[in-house]
Amino acid sequence: MEKDLTLPDIILKAEDIEWIPFSLPGWTGTTTAAFPNMNITKAPFIAMAKLAPDAFIQKHYHNIAIESVYVVEGELINNGETLKAGSFLVHGTGVAHGPHTTKTGCTLMFIQYPGVTVEDSVLVE
């Protein structure tokens, strides 16, 4: 099987990243997000989020997406365990994760395949 080598690189420089106010059901606190890649025909869905200190994401799971979360800066607390910058959190489809919070604030990179929508995220009480 031959690879399609005609797709161009996706390059997004740090100074060109557009951060916008962002929230989803189950999220509280100040959060901004950027979406470096939403075209899943070229690469996995990639999003970044900056969570202010004490931001909170309710425990949830995804019906479709496999998700990896990379802690770029700060510290993320996942279900009581502190993940420092450089740490990964990976979970498969249907695996409940969280709650997530941060005392310091943090920047996260989400890599999701095949992509995620609001409807794909199911909150867990």
PDB file of N, CA and C in Angstrom:
ATOM      1  N   MET A   1       0.840  -1.173   0.000  1.00  0.00           N
ATOM      2  CA  MET A   1       0.000   0.000   0.000  1.00  0.00           C
ATOM      3  C   MET A   1       0.886   1.237   0.000  1.00  0.00           C
ATOM      4  N   GLU A   2       0.672   2.121  -0.939  1.00  0.00           N
ATOM      5  CA  GLU A   2       1.478   3.330  -1.035  1.00  0.00           C
ATOM      6  C   GLU A   2       0.914   4.428  -0.141  1.00  0.00           C
ATOM      7  N   LYS A   3       1.828   5.195   0.442  1.00  0.00           N
ATOM      8  CA  LYS A   3       1.417   6.322   1.273  1.00  0.00           C
ATOM      9  C   LYS A   3       1.148   7.529   0.395  1.00  0.00           C
ATOM     10  N   ASP A   4       0.167   8.335   0.803  1.00  0.00           N
ATOM     11  CA  ASP A   4      -0.120   9.597   0.113  1.00  0.00           C
ATOM     12  C   ASP A   4       0.833  10.647   0.659  1.00  0.00           C
ATOM     13  N   LEU A   5       1.818  11.017  -0.144  1.00  0.00           N
ATOM     14  CA  LEU A   5       2.824  11.976   0.294  1.00  0.00           C
ATOM     15  C   LEU A   5       2.517  13.392  -0.170  1.00  0.00           C
ATOM     16  N   THR A   6       1.287  13.603  -0.661  1.00  0.00           N
ATOM     17  CA  THR A   6       0.933  14.920  -1.191  1.00  0.00           C
ATOM     18  C   THR A   6       0.354  15.860  -0.138  1.00  0.00           C
ATOM     19  N   LEU A   7      -0.010  15.337   1.035  1.00  0.00           N
ATOM     20  CA  LEU A   7      -0.567  16.210   2.065  1.00  0.00           C
ATOM     21  C   LEU A   7       0.539  17.094   2.626  1.00  0.00           C
ATOM     22  N   PRO A   8       0.301  18.397   2.713  1.00  0.00           N
ATOM     23  CA  PRO A   8       1.346  19.290   3.229  1.00  0.00           C
ATOM     24  C   PRO A   8       1.502  19.153   4.746  1.00  0.00           C
ATOM     25  N   ASP A   9       2.679  19.568   5.232  1.00  0.00           N
ATOM     26  CA  ASP A   9       2.897  19.616   6.676  1.00  0.00           C
ATOM     27  C   ASP A   9       1.912  20.595   7.309  1.00  0.00           C
ATOM     28  N   ILE A  10       1.599  20.354   8.559  1.00  0.00           N
ATOM     29  CA  ILE A  10       0.838  21.315   9.337  1.00  0.00           C
ATOM     30  C   ILE A  10       1.841  21.974  10.274  1.00  0.00           C
ATOM     31  N   ILE A  11       2.073  23.257  10.093  1.00  0.00           N
ATOM     32  CA  ILE A  11       3.007  23.986  10.942  1.00  0.00           C
ATOM     33  C   ILE A  11       2.252  25.126  11.604  1.00  0.00           C
ATOM     34  N   LEU A  12       2.350  25.178  12.912  1.00  0.00           N
ATOM     35  CA  LEU A  12       1.729  26.254  13.673  1.00  0.00           C
ATOM     36  C   LEU A  12       2.743  26.728  14.695  1.00  0.00           C
ATOM     37  N   LYS A  13       3.267  27.920  14.501  1.00  0.00           N
ATOM     38  CA  LYS A  13       4.267  28.471  15.410  1.00  0.00           C
ATOM     39  C   LYS A  13       3.584  28.995  16.669  1.00  0.00           C
ATOM     40  N   ALA A  14       4.316  28.950  17.775  1.00  0.00           N
ATOM     41  CA  ALA A  14       3.765  29.364  19.072  1.00  0.00           C
ATOM     42  C   ALA A  14       3.132  30.747  19.010  1.00  0.00           C
ATOM     43  N   GLU A  15       3.778  31.670  18.300  1.00  0.00           N
ATOM     44  CA  GLU A  15       3.257  33.042  18.231  1.00  0.00           C
ATOM     45  C   GLU A  15       1.975  33.147  17.398  1.00  0.00           C
ATOM     46  N   ASP A  16       1.658  32.104  16.649  1.00  0.00           N
ATOM     47  CA  ASP A  16       0.459  32.123  15.813  1.00  0.00           C
ATOM     48  C   ASP A  16      -0.724  31.387  16.434  1.00  0.00           C
ATOM     49  N   ILE A  17      -0.518  30.788  17.596  1.00  0.00           N
ATOM     50  CA  ILE A  17      -1.609  30.060  18.253  1.00  0.00           C
ATOM     51  C   ILE A  17      -2.630  31.060  18.789  1.00  0.00           C
ATOM     52  N   GLU A  18      -3.889  30.853  18.437  1.00  0.00           N
ATOM     53  CA  GLU A  18      -4.976  31.725  18.888  1.00  0.00           C
ATOM     54  C   GLU A  18      -5.674  31.082  20.084  1.00  0.00           C
ATOM     55  N   TRP A  19      -5.542  31.707  21.242  1.00  0.00           N
ATOM     56  CA  TRP A  19      -6.184  31.225  22.467  1.00  0.00           C
ATOM     57  C   TRP A  19      -7.524  31.934  22.630  1.00  0.00           C
ATOM     58  N   ILE A  20      -8.585  31.158  22.847  1.00  0.00           N
ATOM     59  CA  ILE A  20      -9.923  31.727  22.976  1.00  0.00           C
ATOM     60  C   ILE A  20     -10.565  31.252  24.283  1.00  0.00           C
ATOM     61  N   PRO A  21     -11.473  32.046  24.864  1.00  0.00           N
ATOM     62  CA  PRO A  21     -12.205  31.570  26.050  1.00  0.00           C
ATOM     63  C   PRO A  21     -12.933  30.273  25.699  1.00  0.00           C
ATOM     64  N   PHE A  22     -12.949  29.324  26.638  1.00  0.00           N
ATOM     65  CA  PHE A  22     -13.497  28.008  26.317  1.00  0.00           C
ATOM     66  C   PHE A  22     -14.088  27.370  27.561  1.00  0.00           C
ATOM     67  N   SER A  23     -15.183  26.662  27.363  1.00  0.00           N
ATOM     68  CA  SER A  23     -15.789  25.893  28.443  1.00  0.00           C
ATOM     69  C   SER A  23     -16.626  24.769  27.844  1.00  0.00           C
ATOM     70  N   LEU A  24     -16.769  23.708  28.587  1.00  0.00           N
ATOM     71  CA  LEU A  24     -17.631  22.586  28.226  1.00  0.00           C
ATOM     72  C   LEU A  24     -18.488  22.248  29.443  1.00  0.00           C
ATOM     73  N   PRO A  25     -19.590  21.531  29.250  1.00  0.00           N
ATOM     74  CA  PRO A  25     -20.349  21.072  30.417  1.00  0.00           C
ATOM     75  C   PRO A  25     -19.428  20.301  31.367  1.00  0.00           C
ATOM     76  N   GLY A  26     -19.531  20.588  32.660  1.00  0.00           N
ATOM     77  CA  GLY A  26     -18.691  19.923  33.648  1.00  0.00           C
ATOM     78  C   GLY A  26     -17.381  20.645  33.925  1.00  0.00           C
ATOM     79  N   TRP A  27     -17.102  21.749  33.212  1.00  0.00           N
ATOM     80  CA  TRP A  27     -15.887  22.538  33.432  1.00  0.00           C
ATOM     81  C   TRP A  27     -16.252  23.785  34.223  1.00  0.00           C
ATOM     82  N   THR A  28     -15.455  24.130  35.230  1.00  0.00           N
ATOM     83  CA  THR A  28     -15.622  25.389  35.950  1.00  0.00           C
ATOM     84  C   THR A  28     -14.263  26.064  36.057  1.00  0.00           C
ATOM     85  N   GLY A  29     -14.279  27.361  36.261  1.00  0.00           N
ATOM     86  CA  GLY A  29     -13.044  28.124  36.339  1.00  0.00           C
ATOM     87  C   GLY A  29     -12.666  28.661  34.975  1.00  0.00           C
ATOM     88  N   THR A  30     -11.655  29.514  34.958  1.00  0.00           N
ATOM     89  CA  THR A  30     -11.233  30.161  33.717  1.00  0.00           C
ATOM     90  C   THR A  30     -10.395  29.212  32.880  1.00  0.00           C
ATOM     91  N   THR A  31     -10.803  29.047  31.648  1.00  0.00           N
ATOM     92  CA  THR A  31     -10.074  28.191  30.714  1.00  0.00           C
ATOM     93  C   THR A  31     -10.021  28.868  29.360  1.00  0.00           C
ATOM     94  N   THR A  32      -8.862  28.808  28.722  1.00  0.00           N
ATOM     95  CA  THR A  32      -8.744  29.210  27.325  1.00  0.00           C
ATOM     96  C   THR A  32      -8.257  27.998  26.559  1.00  0.00           C
ATOM     97  N   ALA A  33      -8.547  27.980  25.264  1.00  0.00           N
ATOM     98  CA  ALA A  33      -8.165  26.829  24.454  1.00  0.00           C
ATOM     99  C   ALA A  33      -7.692  27.274  23.081  1.00  0.00           C
ATOM    100  N   ALA A  34      -6.923  26.394  22.465  1.00  0.00           N
ATOM    101  CA  ALA A  34      -6.471  26.568  21.088  1.00  0.00           C
ATOM    102  C   ALA A  34      -6.655  25.231  20.383  1.00  0.00           C
ATOM    103  N   PHE A  35      -6.867  25.286  19.094  1.00  0.00           N
ATOM    104  CA  PHE A  35      -7.148  24.070  18.331  1.00  0.00           C
ATOM    105  C   PHE A  35      -6.199  23.964  17.136  1.00  0.00           C
ATOM    106  N   PRO A  36      -4.971  23.474  17.373  1.00  0.00           N
ATOM    107  CA  PRO A  36      -3.988  23.373  16.291  1.00  0.00           C
ATOM    108  C   PRO A  36      -4.417  22.480  15.135  1.00  0.00           C
ATOM    109  N   ASN A  37      -5.182  21.424  15.403  1.00  0.00           N
ATOM    110  CA  ASN A  37      -5.652  20.586  14.299  1.00  0.00           C
ATOM    111  C   ASN A  37      -7.031  20.009  14.602  1.00  0.00           C
ATOM    112  N   MET A  38      -7.997  20.389  13.759  1.00  0.00           N
ATOM    113  CA  MET A  38      -9.334  19.818  13.851  1.00  0.00           C
ATOM    114  C   MET A  38      -9.655  18.993  12.608  1.00  0.00           C
ATOM    115  N   ASN A  39      -8.713  18.947  11.655  1.00  0.00           N
ATOM    116  CA  ASN A  39      -8.900  18.197  10.420  1.00  0.00           C
ATOM    117  C   ASN A  39      -8.330  16.799  10.604  1.00  0.00           C
ATOM    118  N   ILE A  40      -9.174  15.844  10.989  1.00  0.00           N
ATOM    119  CA  ILE A  40      -8.679  14.511  11.313  1.00  0.00           C
ATOM    120  C   ILE A  40      -8.323  13.685  10.080  1.00  0.00           C
ATOM    121  N   THR A  41      -8.491  14.231   8.885  1.00  0.00           N
ATOM    122  CA  THR A  41      -7.998  13.524   7.699  1.00  0.00           C
ATOM    123  C   THR A  41      -6.486  13.695   7.569  1.00  0.00           C
ATOM    124  N   LYS A  42      -5.912  14.691   8.244  1.00  0.00           N
ATOM    125  CA  LYS A  42      -4.471  14.941   8.168  1.00  0.00           C
ATOM    126  C   LYS A  42      -3.717  14.398   9.377  1.00  0.00           C
ATOM    127  N   ALA A  43      -4.335  14.445  10.545  1.00  0.00           N
ATOM    128  CA  ALA A  43      -3.673  14.046  11.788  1.00  0.00           C
ATOM    129  C   ALA A  43      -4.743  13.899  12.864  1.00  0.00           C
ATOM    130  N   PRO A  44      -4.387  13.316  14.013  1.00  0.00           N
ATOM    131  CA  PRO A  44      -5.370  13.249  15.106  1.00  0.00           C
ATOM    132  C   PRO A  44      -5.828  14.649  15.516  1.00  0.00           C
ATOM    133  N   PHE A  45      -7.008  14.721  16.104  1.00  0.00           N
ATOM    134  CA  PHE A  45      -7.528  15.977  16.644  1.00  0.00           C
ATOM    135  C   PHE A  45      -6.583  16.427  17.757  1.00  0.00           C
ATOM    136  N   ILE A  46      -6.156  17.682  17.701  1.00  0.00           N
ATOM    137  CA  ILE A  46      -5.250  18.222  18.717  1.00  0.00           C
ATOM    138  C   ILE A  46      -5.849  19.514  19.262  1.00  0.00           C
ATOM    139  N   ALA A  47      -5.934  19.593  20.581  1.00  0.00           N
ATOM    140  CA  ALA A  47      -6.406  20.803  21.249  1.00  0.00           C
ATOM    141  C   ALA A  47      -5.457  21.098  22.404  1.00  0.00           C
ATOM    142  N   MET A  48      -5.399  22.365  22.786  1.00  0.00           N
ATOM    143  CA  MET A  48      -4.616  22.765  23.954  1.00  0.00           C
ATOM    144  C   MET A  48      -5.522  23.568  24.863  1.00  0.00           C
ATOM    145  N   ALA A  49      -5.309  23.452  26.157  1.00  0.00           N
ATOM    146  CA  ALA A  49      -6.116  24.204  27.118  1.00  0.00           C
ATOM    147  C   ALA A  49      -5.214  24.772  28.199  1.00  0.00           C
ATOM    148  N   LYS A  50      -5.514  26.015  28.577  1.00  0.00           N
ATOM    149  CA  LYS A  50      -4.855  26.648  29.721  1.00  0.00           C
ATOM    150  C   LYS A  50      -5.903  26.744  30.818  1.00  0.00           C
ATOM    151  N   LEU A  51      -5.667  26.057  31.923  1.00  0.00           N
ATOM    152  CA  LEU A  51      -6.581  26.076  33.063  1.00  0.00           C
ATOM    153  C   LEU A  51      -6.007  26.992  34.136  1.00  0.00           C
ATOM    154  N   ALA A  52      -6.814  27.938  34.607  1.00  0.00           N
ATOM    155  CA  ALA A  52      -6.407  28.826  35.693  1.00  0.00           C
ATOM    156  C   ALA A  52      -6.369  28.034  36.994  1.00  0.00           C
ATOM    157  N   PRO A  53      -5.632  28.529  38.001  1.00  0.00           N
ATOM    158  CA  PRO A  53      -5.653  27.849  39.302  1.00  0.00           C
ATOM    159  C   PRO A  53      -7.090  27.599  39.774  1.00  0.00           C
ATOM    160  N   ASP A  54      -7.322  26.409  40.285  1.00  0.00           N
ATOM    161  CA  ASP A  54      -8.607  25.948  40.813  1.00  0.00           C
ATOM    162  C   ASP A  54      -9.660  25.646  39.747  1.00  0.00           C
ATOM    163  N   ALA A  55      -9.292  25.679  38.470  1.00  0.00           N
ATOM    164  CA  ALA A  55     -10.236  25.229  37.439  1.00  0.00           C
ATOM    165  C   ALA A  55     -10.549  23.756  37.695  1.00  0.00           C
ATOM    166  N   PHE A  56     -11.692  23.306  37.217  1.00  0.00           N
ATOM    167  CA  PHE A  56     -12.165  21.953  37.522  1.00  0.00           C
ATOM    168  C   PHE A  56     -12.837  21.354  36.299  1.00  0.00           C
ATOM    169  N   ILE A  57     -12.513  20.095  36.007  1.00  0.00           N
ATOM    170  CA  ILE A  57     -13.173  19.330  34.939  1.00  0.00           C
ATOM    171  C   ILE A  57     -13.755  18.082  35.587  1.00  0.00           C
ATOM    172  N   GLN A  58     -15.065  17.946  35.478  1.00  0.00           N
ATOM    173  CA  GLN A  58     -15.777  16.819  36.091  1.00  0.00           C
ATOM    174  C   GLN A  58     -15.333  15.496  35.479  1.00  0.00           C
ATOM    175  N   LYS A  59     -15.395  14.433  36.271  1.00  0.00           N
ATOM    176  CA  LYS A  59     -15.103  13.083  35.796  1.00  0.00           C
ATOM    177  C   LYS A  59     -16.014  12.777  34.605  1.00  0.00           C
ATOM    178  N   HIS A  60     -15.434  12.174  33.559  1.00  0.00           N
ATOM    179  CA  HIS A  60     -16.189  11.904  32.342  1.00  0.00           C
ATOM    180  C   HIS A  60     -15.518  10.788  31.540  1.00  0.00           C
ATOM    181  N   TYR A  61     -16.166  10.381  30.476  1.00  0.00           N
ATOM    182  CA  TYR A  61     -15.561   9.430  29.535  1.00  0.00           C
ATOM    183  C   TYR A  61     -16.003   9.814  28.133  1.00  0.00           C
ATOM    184  N   HIS A  62     -15.359   9.201  27.145  1.00  0.00           N
ATOM    185  CA  HIS A  62     -15.680   9.458  25.741  1.00  0.00           C
ATOM    186  C   HIS A  62     -16.176   8.166  25.089  1.00  0.00           C
ATOM    187  N   ASN A  63     -17.293   8.270  24.377  1.00  0.00           N
ATOM    188  CA  ASN A  63     -17.858   7.103  23.705  1.00  0.00           C
ATOM    189  C   ASN A  63     -17.048   6.670  22.492  1.00  0.00           C
ATOM    190  N   ILE A  64     -16.390   7.616  21.841  1.00  0.00           N
ATOM    191  CA  ILE A  64     -15.697   7.333  20.585  1.00  0.00           C
ATOM    192  C   ILE A  64     -14.195   7.537  20.697  1.00  0.00           C
ATOM    193  N   ALA A  65     -13.780   8.626  21.325  1.00  0.00           N
ATOM    194  CA  ALA A  65     -12.373   9.042  21.276  1.00  0.00           C
ATOM    195  C   ALA A  65     -11.469   8.271  22.226  1.00  0.00           C
ATOM    196  N   ILE A  66     -10.265   8.004  21.726  1.00  0.00           N
ATOM    197  CA  ILE A  66      -9.129   7.622  22.555  1.00  0.00           C
ATOM    198  C   ILE A  66      -8.410   8.936  22.825  1.00  0.00           C
ATOM    199  N   GLU A  67      -8.015   9.179  24.069  1.00  0.00           N
ATOM    200  CA  GLU A  67      -7.464  10.486  24.410  1.00  0.00           C
ATOM    201  C   GLU A  67      -6.140  10.366  25.150  1.00  0.00           C
ATOM    202  N   SER A  68      -5.191  11.203  24.743  1.00  0.00           N
ATOM    203  CA  SER A  68      -3.928  11.370  25.456  1.00  0.00           C
ATOM    204  C   SER A  68      -3.849  12.824  25.886  1.00  0.00           C
ATOM    205  N   VAL A  69      -3.428  13.053  27.115  1.00  0.00           N
ATOM    206  CA  VAL A  69      -3.276  14.407  27.636  1.00  0.00           C
ATOM    207  C   VAL A  69      -1.827  14.559  28.084  1.00  0.00           C
ATOM    208  N   TYR A  70      -1.161  15.596  27.576  1.00  0.00           N
ATOM    209  CA  TYR A  70       0.217  15.890  27.934  1.00  0.00           C
ATOM    210  C   TYR A  70       0.236  17.179  28.743  1.00  0.00           C
ATOM    211  N   VAL A  71       0.870  17.154  29.907  1.00  0.00           N
ATOM    212  CA  VAL A  71       0.974  18.340  30.750  1.00  0.00           C
ATOM    213  C   VAL A  71       2.181  19.144  30.260  1.00  0.00           C
ATOM    214  N   VAL A  72       1.897  20.273  29.620  1.00  0.00           N
ATOM    215  CA  VAL A  72       2.941  21.118  29.045  1.00  0.00           C
ATOM    216  C   VAL A  72       3.591  21.975  30.129  1.00  0.00           C
ATOM    217  N   GLU A  73       2.760  22.618  30.954  1.00  0.00           N
ATOM    218  CA  GLU A  73       3.239  23.499  32.034  1.00  0.00           C
ATOM    219  C   GLU A  73       2.360  23.302  33.254  1.00  0.00           C
ATOM    220  N   GLY A  74       2.927  23.575  34.424  1.00  0.00           N
ATOM    221  CA  GLY A  74       2.152  23.528  35.652  1.00  0.00           C
ATOM    222  C   GLY A  74       1.910  22.108  36.129  1.00  0.00           C
ATOM    223  N   GLU A  75       0.852  21.939  36.901  1.00  0.00           N
ATOM    224  CA  GLU A  75       0.503  20.634  37.455  1.00  0.00           C
ATOM    225  C   GLU A  75      -0.992  20.373  37.297  1.00  0.00           C
ATOM    226  N   LEU A  76      -1.332  19.196  36.802  1.00  0.00           N
ATOM    227  CA  LEU A  76      -2.710  18.739  36.686  1.00  0.00           C
ATOM    228  C   LEU A  76      -2.940  17.705  37.777  1.00  0.00           C
ATOM    229  N   ILE A  77      -4.048  17.824  38.484  1.00  0.00           N
ATOM    230  CA  ILE A  77      -4.410  16.815  39.478  1.00  0.00           C
ATOM    231  C   ILE A  77      -5.504  15.960  38.862  1.00  0.00           C
ATOM    232  N   ASN A  78      -5.210  14.686  38.639  1.00  0.00           N
ATOM    233  CA  ASN A  78      -6.149  13.742  38.053  1.00  0.00           C
ATOM    234  C   ASN A  78      -6.595  12.760  39.121  1.00  0.00           C
ATOM    235  N   ASN A  79      -7.849  12.876  39.535  1.00  0.00           N
ATOM    236  CA  ASN A  79      -8.404  11.961  40.532  1.00  0.00           C
ATOM    237  C   ASN A  79      -7.514  11.887  41.772  1.00  0.00           C
ATOM    238  N   GLY A  80      -7.001  13.057  42.195  1.00  0.00           N
ATOM    239  CA  GLY A  80      -6.194  13.138  43.404  1.00  0.00           C
ATOM    240  C   GLY A  80      -4.698  12.957  43.197  1.00  0.00           C
ATOM    241  N   GLU A  81      -4.251  12.514  42.021  1.00  0.00           N
ATOM    242  CA  GLU A  81      -2.822  12.311  41.757  1.00  0.00           C
ATOM    243  C   GLU A  81      -2.270  13.487  40.962  1.00  0.00           C
ATOM    244  N   THR A  82      -1.175  14.078  41.443  1.00  0.00           N
ATOM    245  CA  THR A  82      -0.575  15.233  40.787  1.00  0.00           C
ATOM    246  C   THR A  82       0.337  14.791  39.650  1.00  0.00           C
ATOM    247  N   LEU A  83       0.073  15.352  38.473  1.00  0.00           N
ATOM    248  CA  LEU A  83       0.889  15.096  37.289  1.00  0.00           C
ATOM    249  C   LEU A  83       1.626  16.386  36.949  1.00  0.00           C
ATOM    250  N   LYS A  84       2.948  16.355  37.015  1.00  0.00           N
ATOM    251  CA  LYS A  84       3.768  17.539  36.750  1.00  0.00           C
ATOM    252  C   LYS A  84       4.030  17.679  35.254  1.00  0.00           C
ATOM    253  N   ALA A  85       4.535  18.858  34.859  1.00  0.00           N
ATOM    254  CA  ALA A  85       4.881  19.105  33.458  1.00  0.00           C
ATOM    255  C   ALA A  85       5.740  17.958  32.930  1.00  0.00           C
ATOM    256  N   GLY A  86       5.427  17.514  31.722  1.00  0.00           N
ATOM    257  CA  GLY A  86       6.124  16.394  31.103  1.00  0.00           C
ATOM    258  C   GLY A  86       5.405  15.066  31.273  1.00  0.00           C
ATOM    259  N   SER A  87       4.349  15.046  32.089  1.00  0.00           N
ATOM    260  CA  SER A  87       3.590  13.814  32.337  1.00  0.00           C
ATOM    261  C   SER A  87       2.518  13.613  31.267  1.00  0.00           C
ATOM    262  N   PHE A  88       2.153  12.348  31.047  1.00  0.00           N
ATOM    263  CA  PHE A  88       1.080  11.968  30.135  1.00  0.00           C
ATOM    264  C   PHE A  88      -0.031  11.283  30.915  1.00  0.00           C
ATOM    265  N   LEU A  89      -1.243  11.458  30.438  1.00  0.00           N
ATOM    266  CA  LEU A  89      -2.414  10.729  30.919  1.00  0.00           C
ATOM    267  C   LEU A  89      -3.074  10.170  29.666  1.00  0.00           C
ATOM    268  N   VAL A  90      -3.230   8.851  29.595  1.00  0.00           N
ATOM    269  CA  VAL A  90      -3.782   8.218  28.394  1.00  0.00           C
ATOM    270  C   VAL A  90      -4.940   7.321  28.814  1.00  0.00           C
ATOM    271  N   HIS A  91      -6.054   7.405  28.083  1.00  0.00           N
ATOM    272  CA  HIS A  91      -7.190   6.544  28.390  1.00  0.00           C
ATOM    273  C   HIS A  91      -7.943   6.201  27.105  1.00  0.00           C
ATOM    274  N   GLY A  92      -8.491   5.013  27.107  1.00  0.00           N
ATOM    275  CA  GLY A  92      -9.196   4.517  25.946  1.00  0.00           C
ATOM    276  C   GLY A  92     -10.669   4.894  25.947  1.00  0.00           C
ATOM    277  N   THR A  93     -11.321   4.526  24.893  1.00  0.00           N
ATOM    278  CA  THR A  93     -12.751   4.753  24.732  1.00  0.00           C
ATOM    279  C   THR A  93     -13.509   4.126  25.903  1.00  0.00           C
ATOM    280  N   GLY A  94     -14.429   4.892  26.484  1.00  0.00           N
ATOM    281  CA  GLY A  94     -15.267   4.379  27.557  1.00  0.00           C
ATOM    282  C   GLY A  94     -14.631   4.356  28.933  1.00  0.00           C
ATOM    283  N   VAL A  95     -13.369   4.791  29.059  1.00  0.00           N
ATOM    284  CA  VAL A  95     -12.686   4.778  30.356  1.00  0.00           C
ATOM    285  C   VAL A  95     -12.925   6.119  31.057  1.00  0.00           C
ATOM    286  N   ALA A  96     -13.581   6.082  32.211  1.00  0.00           N
ATOM    287  CA  ALA A  96     -13.844   7.310  32.967  1.00  0.00           C
ATOM    288  C   ALA A  96     -12.531   7.854  33.516  1.00  0.00           C
ATOM    289  N   HIS A  97     -12.367   9.175  33.422  1.00  0.00           N
ATOM    290  CA  HIS A  97     -11.154   9.824  33.915  1.00  0.00           C
ATOM    291  C   HIS A  97     -11.507  11.145  34.580  1.00  0.00           C
ATOM    292  N   GLY A  98     -10.660  11.527  35.537  1.00  0.00           N
ATOM    293  CA  GLY A  98     -10.926  12.714  36.323  1.00  0.00           C
ATOM    294  C   GLY A  98     -11.509  12.312  37.661  1.00  0.00           C
ATOM    295  N   PRO A  99     -11.958  13.299  38.422  1.00  0.00           N
ATOM    296  CA  PRO A  99     -11.994  14.702  38.046  1.00  0.00           C
ATOM    297  C   PRO A  99     -10.588  15.275  37.916  1.00  0.00           C
ATOM    298  N   HIS A 100     -10.488  16.358  37.133  1.00  0.00           N
ATOM    299  CA  HIS A 100      -9.226  17.051  36.921  1.00  0.00           C
ATOM    300  C   HIS A 100      -9.328  18.434  37.563  1.00  0.00           C
ATOM    301  N   THR A 101      -8.246  18.858  38.192  1.00  0.00           N
ATOM    302  CA  THR A 101      -8.168  20.213  38.714  1.00  0.00           C
ATOM    303  C   THR A 101      -6.711  20.627  38.719  1.00  0.00           C
ATOM    304  N   THR A 102      -6.441  21.841  39.141  1.00  0.00           N
ATOM    305  CA  THR A 102      -5.079  22.340  39.240  1.00  0.00           C
ATOM    306  C   THR A 102      -5.019  23.406  40.330  1.00  0.00           C
ATOM    307  N   LYS A 103      -4.001  23.344  41.148  1.00  0.00           N
ATOM    308  CA  LYS A 103      -3.783  24.393  42.153  1.00  0.00           C
ATOM    309  C   LYS A 103      -2.940  25.520  41.571  1.00  0.00           C
ATOM    310  N   THR A 104      -2.044  25.174  40.647  1.00  0.00           N
ATOM    311  CA  THR A 104      -1.064  26.117  40.108  1.00  0.00           C
ATOM    312  C   THR A 104      -1.495  26.763  38.806  1.00  0.00           C
ATOM    313  N   GLY A 105      -2.512  26.187  38.147  1.00  0.00           N
ATOM    314  CA  GLY A 105      -2.793  26.500  36.760  1.00  0.00           C
ATOM    315  C   GLY A 105      -1.948  25.563  35.911  1.00  0.00           C
ATOM    316  N   CYS A 106      -2.379  25.275  34.705  1.00  0.00           N
ATOM    317  CA  CYS A 106      -1.600  24.380  33.852  1.00  0.00           C
ATOM    318  C   CYS A 106      -1.994  24.566  32.394  1.00  0.00           C
ATOM    319  N   THR A 107      -1.091  24.138  31.540  1.00  0.00           N
ATOM    320  CA  THR A 107      -1.350  24.090  30.101  1.00  0.00           C
ATOM    321  C   THR A 107      -1.300  22.628  29.687  1.00  0.00           C
ATOM    322  N   LEU A 108      -2.325  22.190  28.972  1.00  0.00           N
ATOM    323  CA  LEU A 108      -2.455  20.792  28.563  1.00  0.00           C
ATOM    324  C   LEU A 108      -2.565  20.696  27.048  1.00  0.00           C
ATOM    325  N   MET A 109      -2.033  19.603  26.485  1.00  0.00           N
ATOM    326  CA  MET A 109      -2.250  19.282  25.080  1.00  0.00           C
ATOM    327  C   MET A 109      -3.056  17.990  25.026  1.00  0.00           C
ATOM    328  N   PHE A 110      -4.192  18.040  24.332  1.00  0.00           N
ATOM    329  CA  PHE A 110      -5.053  16.879  24.152  1.00  0.00           C
ATOM    330  C   PHE A 110      -4.862  16.346  22.734  1.00  0.00           C
ATOM    331  N   ILE A 111      -4.582  15.062  22.620  1.00  0.00           N
ATOM    332  CA  ILE A 111      -4.504  14.409  21.322  1.00  0.00           C
ATOM    333  C   ILE A 111      -5.581  13.332  21.338  1.00  0.00           C
ATOM    334  N   GLN A 112      -6.550  13.482  20.441  1.00  0.00           N
ATOM    335  CA  GLN A 112      -7.709  12.586  20.456  1.00  0.00           C
ATOM    336  C   GLN A 112      -7.911  11.972  19.080  1.00  0.00           C
ATOM    337  N   TYR A 113      -8.207  10.682  19.082  1.00  0.00           N
ATOM    338  CA  TYR A 113      -8.464   9.997  17.824  1.00  0.00           C
ATOM    339  C   TYR A 113      -9.717   9.169  17.961  1.00  0.00           C
ATOM    340  N   PRO A 114     -10.650   9.232  17.060  1.00  0.00           N
ATOM    341  CA  PRO A 114     -10.617   9.964  15.799  1.00  0.00           C
ATOM    342  C   PRO A 114     -11.026  11.421  15.917  1.00  0.00           C
ATOM    343  N   GLY A 115     -11.159  11.948  17.079  1.00  0.00           N
ATOM    344  CA  GLY A 115     -11.658  13.307  17.299  1.00  0.00           C
ATOM    345  C   GLY A 115     -12.727  13.225  18.375  1.00  0.00           C
ATOM    346  N   VAL A 116     -13.113  14.365  18.891  1.00  0.00           N
ATOM    347  CA  VAL A 116     -14.083  14.369  19.987  1.00  0.00           C
ATOM    348  C   VAL A 116     -15.057  15.518  19.774  1.00  0.00           C
ATOM    349  N   THR A 117     -16.276  15.305  20.220  1.00  0.00           N
ATOM    350  CA  THR A 117     -17.301  16.345  20.172  1.00  0.00           C
ATOM    351  C   THR A 117     -17.912  16.461  21.562  1.00  0.00           C
ATOM    352  N   VAL A 118     -18.690  17.501  21.774  1.00  0.00           N
ATOM    353  CA  VAL A 118     -19.385  17.654  23.055  1.00  0.00           C
ATOM    354  C   VAL A 118     -20.251  16.431  23.323  1.00  0.00           C
ATOM    355  N   GLU A 119     -20.891  15.910  22.284  1.00  0.00           N
ATOM    356  CA  GLU A 119     -21.780  14.751  22.439  1.00  0.00           C
ATOM    357  C   GLU A 119     -21.013  13.492  22.834  1.00  0.00           C
ATOM    358  N   ASP A 120     -19.709  13.439  22.525  1.00  0.00           N
ATOM    359  CA  ASP A 120     -18.892  12.270  22.831  1.00  0.00           C
ATOM    360  C   ASP A 120     -18.463  12.241  24.297  1.00  0.00           C
ATOM    361  N   SER A 121     -18.526  13.374  24.978  1.00  0.00           N
ATOM    362  CA  SER A 121     -18.115  13.451  26.376  1.00  0.00           C
ATOM    363  C   SER A 121     -19.313  13.219  27.283  1.00  0.00           C
ATOM    364  N   VAL A 122     -19.226  12.186  28.110  1.00  0.00           N
ATOM    365  CA  VAL A 122     -20.328  11.818  29.001  1.00  0.00           C
ATOM    366  C   VAL A 122     -19.879  12.050  30.444  1.00  0.00           C
ATOM    367  N   LEU A 123     -20.595  12.932  31.148  1.00  0.00           N
ATOM    368  CA  LEU A 123     -20.245  13.250  32.534  1.00  0.00           C
ATOM    369  C   LEU A 123     -20.617  12.099  33.465  1.00  0.00           C
ATOM    370  N   VAL A 124     -19.767  11.868  34.472  1.00  0.00           N
ATOM    371  CA  VAL A 124     -19.987  10.828  35.464  1.00  0.00           C
ATOM    372  C   VAL A 124     -20.198  11.518  36.805  1.00  0.00           C
ATOM    373  N   GLU A 125     -21.269  11.179  37.492  1.00  0.00           N
ATOM    374  CA  GLU A 125     -21.560  11.801  38.800  1.00  0.00           C
ATOM    375  C   GLU A 125     -20.683  11.232  39.882  1.00  0.00           C
TER     376      GLU A 125
END
